[in-house]
Amino acid sequence: MPLVRVEILKGQTAEHKKAILDAIHNALVEAFKIPDHDRNQKLYELDPEWFERSPGKSGLSDGGLRGFVCAGVPGAGDPGFPRKDL
């Protein structure tokens, strides 16, 4: 059972958070063939003052999760939330 840890800035709607978790789970099911019921995810919401990143950076490299969720997995092209949030 994979354990997924997601960190986001506070202030997102419940629907937005669910879309993020669903997109990640669907990508894992498709890419690694884990059973659909095998889901263990934790979402942490951070206050902006405790979330540091380089100016102009999203926090992910071009080869990071963005590529995994949006490009590397068939059917994951539209994760259900803005791509900039990956």
N, C-alpha and C. Protein backbone atom coordinates (compact mmCIF):
# COMPACT_ATOMS: atom_id res chain seq x y z
N MET A 1 0.85 -1.16 0.00
CA MET A 1 0.00 0.00 0.00
C MET A 1 0.90 1.24 0.00
N PRO A 2 0.83 2.05 -1.06
CA PRO A 2 1.63 3.28 -1.07
C PRO A 2 1.05 4.30 -0.09
N LEU A 3 1.93 5.06 0.50
CA LEU A 3 1.52 6.16 1.37
C LEU A 3 1.83 7.45 0.62
N VAL A 4 0.82 8.27 0.40
CA VAL A 4 0.97 9.53 -0.31
C VAL A 4 0.83 10.66 0.70
N ARG A 5 1.80 11.56 0.67
CA ARG A 5 1.75 12.75 1.51
C ARG A 5 1.70 13.96 0.59
N VAL A 6 0.67 14.77 0.75
CA VAL A 6 0.48 15.96 -0.07
C VAL A 6 0.51 17.17 0.85
N GLU A 7 1.28 18.17 0.46
CA GLU A 7 1.34 19.43 1.20
C GLU A 7 0.86 20.55 0.29
N ILE A 8 -0.13 21.32 0.77
CA ILE A 8 -0.66 22.43 0.00
C ILE A 8 -0.80 23.64 0.91
N LEU A 9 -0.97 24.79 0.30
CA LEU A 9 -1.24 25.99 1.07
C LEU A 9 -2.69 25.97 1.54
N LYS A 10 -2.92 26.48 2.72
CA LYS A 10 -4.29 26.57 3.25
C LYS A 10 -5.14 27.45 2.35
N GLY A 11 -6.43 27.18 2.38
CA GLY A 11 -7.37 28.04 1.68
C GLY A 11 -8.06 27.39 0.49
N GLN A 12 -7.75 26.14 0.19
CA GLN A 12 -8.38 25.45 -0.93
C GLN A 12 -9.74 24.88 -0.49
N THR A 13 -10.62 24.77 -1.45
CA THR A 13 -11.95 24.20 -1.15
C THR A 13 -11.83 22.68 -0.95
N ALA A 14 -12.83 22.12 -0.32
CA ALA A 14 -12.87 20.67 -0.13
C ALA A 14 -12.87 19.96 -1.49
N GLU A 15 -13.57 20.52 -2.47
CA GLU A 15 -13.63 19.92 -3.80
C GLU A 15 -12.25 19.93 -4.46
N HIS A 16 -11.52 21.02 -4.29
CA HIS A 16 -10.17 21.14 -4.87
C HIS A 16 -9.23 20.11 -4.23
N LYS A 17 -9.29 19.97 -2.93
CA LYS A 17 -8.44 19.01 -2.23
C LYS A 17 -8.77 17.58 -2.65
N LYS A 18 -10.06 17.28 -2.78
CA LYS A 18 -10.48 15.95 -3.22
C LYS A 18 -10.00 15.67 -4.64
N ALA A 19 -10.05 16.68 -5.51
CA ALA A 19 -9.59 16.50 -6.89
C ALA A 19 -8.10 16.21 -6.92
N ILE A 20 -7.32 16.85 -6.09
CA ILE A 20 -5.88 16.60 -6.03
C ILE A 20 -5.63 15.15 -5.60
N LEU A 21 -6.28 14.73 -4.51
CA LEU A 21 -6.09 13.37 -4.01
C LEU A 21 -6.56 12.33 -5.02
N ASP A 22 -7.68 12.58 -5.67
CA ASP A 22 -8.19 11.64 -6.67
C ASP A 22 -7.24 11.52 -7.86
N ALA A 23 -6.70 12.66 -8.32
CA ALA A 23 -5.79 12.63 -9.47
C ALA A 23 -4.53 11.85 -9.14
N ILE A 24 -4.00 12.04 -7.96
CA ILE A 24 -2.80 11.31 -7.55
C ILE A 24 -3.10 9.82 -7.45
N HIS A 25 -4.22 9.48 -6.82
CA HIS A 25 -4.58 8.07 -6.67
C HIS A 25 -4.80 7.41 -8.03
N ASN A 26 -5.53 8.08 -8.91
CA ASN A 26 -5.78 7.52 -10.24
C ASN A 26 -4.48 7.31 -11.00
N ALA A 27 -3.54 8.22 -10.85
CA ALA A 27 -2.24 8.07 -11.52
C ALA A 27 -1.49 6.87 -10.97
N LEU A 28 -1.54 6.66 -9.66
CA LEU A 28 -0.87 5.49 -9.06
C LEU A 28 -1.51 4.19 -9.52
N VAL A 29 -2.82 4.16 -9.57
CA VAL A 29 -3.52 2.95 -10.04
C VAL A 29 -3.12 2.64 -11.47
N GLU A 30 -3.10 3.67 -12.32
CA GLU A 30 -2.79 3.46 -13.73
C GLU A 30 -1.31 3.12 -13.94
N ALA A 31 -0.43 3.84 -13.28
CA ALA A 31 1.01 3.67 -13.53
C ALA A 31 1.58 2.42 -12.88
N PHE A 32 1.14 2.13 -11.66
CA PHE A 32 1.74 1.03 -10.90
C PHE A 32 0.80 -0.15 -10.70
N LYS A 33 -0.40 -0.04 -11.25
CA LYS A 33 -1.38 -1.15 -11.21
C LYS A 33 -1.72 -1.57 -9.78
N ILE A 34 -1.74 -0.59 -8.87
CA ILE A 34 -2.19 -0.92 -7.52
C ILE A 34 -3.70 -1.10 -7.54
N PRO A 35 -4.26 -1.88 -6.65
CA PRO A 35 -5.71 -2.02 -6.61
C PRO A 35 -6.38 -0.68 -6.30
N ASP A 36 -7.51 -0.43 -6.93
CA ASP A 36 -8.20 0.85 -6.75
C ASP A 36 -8.56 1.10 -5.28
N HIS A 37 -8.84 0.03 -4.53
CA HIS A 37 -9.24 0.18 -3.12
C HIS A 37 -8.03 0.44 -2.21
N ASP A 38 -6.82 0.32 -2.73
CA ASP A 38 -5.59 0.45 -1.94
C ASP A 38 -5.18 1.92 -1.89
N ARG A 39 -5.74 2.63 -0.95
CA ARG A 39 -5.58 4.09 -0.90
C ARG A 39 -5.21 4.52 0.51
N ASN A 40 -4.07 5.18 0.63
CA ASN A 40 -3.61 5.69 1.93
C ASN A 40 -2.96 7.05 1.66
N GLN A 41 -3.72 8.12 1.89
CA GLN A 41 -3.27 9.47 1.56
C GLN A 41 -3.41 10.38 2.77
N LYS A 42 -2.47 11.30 2.89
CA LYS A 42 -2.53 12.32 3.94
C LYS A 42 -2.31 13.67 3.28
N LEU A 43 -3.20 14.60 3.57
CA LEU A 43 -3.09 15.95 3.02
C LEU A 43 -2.83 16.92 4.16
N TYR A 44 -1.74 17.65 4.04
CA TYR A 44 -1.36 18.63 5.05
C TYR A 44 -1.53 20.02 4.47
N GLU A 45 -2.18 20.89 5.23
CA GLU A 45 -2.36 22.27 4.80
C GLU A 45 -1.43 23.17 5.59
N LEU A 46 -0.67 23.97 4.86
CA LEU A 46 0.34 24.82 5.48
C LEU A 46 -0.06 26.29 5.40
N ASP A 47 0.23 27.01 6.47
CA ASP A 47 0.09 28.46 6.43
C ASP A 47 1.14 29.01 5.48
N PRO A 48 0.81 30.04 4.70
CA PRO A 48 1.78 30.57 3.74
C PRO A 48 3.13 30.96 4.36
N GLU A 49 3.13 31.42 5.60
CA GLU A 49 4.40 31.82 6.21
C GLU A 49 5.31 30.63 6.53
N TRP A 50 4.75 29.41 6.48
CA TRP A 50 5.55 28.21 6.74
C TRP A 50 5.81 27.40 5.47
N PHE A 51 5.59 28.00 4.35
CA PHE A 51 5.77 27.34 3.07
C PHE A 51 6.76 28.17 2.26
N GLU A 52 8.02 27.76 2.21
CA GLU A 52 9.05 28.51 1.51
C GLU A 52 9.38 27.86 0.17
N ARG A 53 9.61 28.71 -0.82
CA ARG A 53 10.07 28.25 -2.12
C ARG A 53 10.76 29.40 -2.82
N SER A 54 11.56 29.06 -3.80
CA SER A 54 12.27 30.08 -4.55
C SER A 54 11.27 30.96 -5.29
N PRO A 55 11.57 32.26 -5.41
CA PRO A 55 10.66 33.15 -6.15
C PRO A 55 10.45 32.66 -7.58
N GLY A 56 9.20 32.64 -8.01
CA GLY A 56 8.87 32.21 -9.37
C GLY A 56 8.82 30.71 -9.57
N LYS A 57 9.03 29.94 -8.52
CA LYS A 57 9.02 28.48 -8.64
C LYS A 57 7.74 27.92 -8.03
N SER A 58 7.25 26.83 -8.64
CA SER A 58 6.05 26.19 -8.12
C SER A 58 6.37 25.24 -6.98
N GLY A 59 7.64 24.91 -6.82
CA GLY A 59 8.03 23.95 -5.80
C GLY A 59 8.35 22.58 -6.37
N LEU A 60 8.10 22.37 -7.66
CA LEU A 60 8.39 21.10 -8.30
C LEU A 60 9.30 21.32 -9.50
N SER A 61 10.16 20.37 -9.74
CA SER A 61 10.97 20.41 -10.95
C SER A 61 10.11 19.97 -12.13
N ASP A 62 10.60 20.22 -13.33
CA ASP A 62 9.84 19.80 -14.52
C ASP A 62 9.65 18.29 -14.56
N GLY A 63 10.51 17.53 -13.92
CA GLY A 63 10.39 16.08 -13.93
C GLY A 63 9.64 15.54 -12.72
N GLY A 64 9.04 16.41 -11.94
CA GLY A 64 8.37 16.00 -10.71
C GLY A 64 6.97 15.46 -10.93
N LEU A 65 6.15 15.64 -9.95
CA LEU A 65 4.79 15.10 -9.97
C LEU A 65 3.99 15.61 -11.15
N ARG A 66 4.25 16.84 -11.58
CA ARG A 66 3.52 17.41 -12.71
C ARG A 66 3.58 16.46 -13.91
N GLY A 67 4.76 15.97 -14.23
CA GLY A 67 4.92 15.06 -15.36
C GLY A 67 4.25 13.72 -15.10
N PHE A 68 4.32 13.25 -13.87
CA PHE A 68 3.72 11.96 -13.51
C PHE A 68 2.21 12.00 -13.67
N VAL A 69 1.59 13.02 -13.12
CA VAL A 69 0.13 13.07 -13.13
C VAL A 69 -0.41 13.48 -14.49
N CYS A 70 0.20 14.47 -15.13
CA CYS A 70 -0.38 15.02 -16.35
C CYS A 70 0.08 14.37 -17.64
N ALA A 71 1.30 13.87 -17.69
CA ALA A 71 1.81 13.38 -18.96
C ALA A 71 2.06 11.88 -18.97
N GLY A 72 2.53 11.34 -17.87
CA GLY A 72 2.99 9.96 -17.87
C GLY A 72 1.91 8.92 -17.72
N VAL A 73 0.70 9.33 -17.46
CA VAL A 73 -0.36 8.37 -17.18
C VAL A 73 -1.54 8.61 -18.12
N PRO A 74 -1.91 7.60 -18.91
CA PRO A 74 -3.07 7.77 -19.79
C PRO A 74 -4.31 8.13 -18.99
N GLY A 75 -5.07 9.07 -19.49
CA GLY A 75 -6.31 9.46 -18.83
C GLY A 75 -6.12 10.45 -17.71
N ALA A 76 -4.88 10.85 -17.43
CA ALA A 76 -4.64 11.80 -16.34
C ALA A 76 -4.34 13.19 -16.88
N GLY A 77 -4.67 13.43 -18.13
CA GLY A 77 -4.38 14.72 -18.74
C GLY A 77 -5.12 15.87 -18.12
N ASP A 78 -6.30 15.65 -17.60
CA ASP A 78 -7.06 16.70 -16.94
C ASP A 78 -7.28 16.28 -15.50
N PRO A 79 -6.43 16.76 -14.58
CA PRO A 79 -6.54 16.32 -13.20
C PRO A 79 -7.73 16.87 -12.44
N GLY A 80 -8.47 17.83 -13.03
CA GLY A 80 -9.65 18.37 -12.37
C GLY A 80 -9.37 19.60 -11.55
N PHE A 81 -8.17 20.14 -11.67
CA PHE A 81 -7.80 21.38 -10.98
C PHE A 81 -6.70 22.03 -11.81
N PRO A 82 -6.42 23.31 -11.57
CA PRO A 82 -5.42 23.99 -12.40
C PRO A 82 -4.05 23.30 -12.35
N ARG A 83 -3.45 23.14 -13.53
CA ARG A 83 -2.14 22.48 -13.61
C ARG A 83 -1.08 23.21 -12.80
N LYS A 84 -1.22 24.52 -12.65
CA LYS A 84 -0.23 25.27 -11.87
C LYS A 84 -0.21 24.82 -10.42
N ASP A 85 -1.25 24.13 -9.96
CA ASP A 85 -1.32 23.68 -8.57
C ASP A 85 -0.61 22.36 -8.34
N LEU A 86 -0.12 21.75 -9.41
CA LEU A 86 0.63 20.51 -9.23
C LEU A 86 2.00 20.79 -8.68
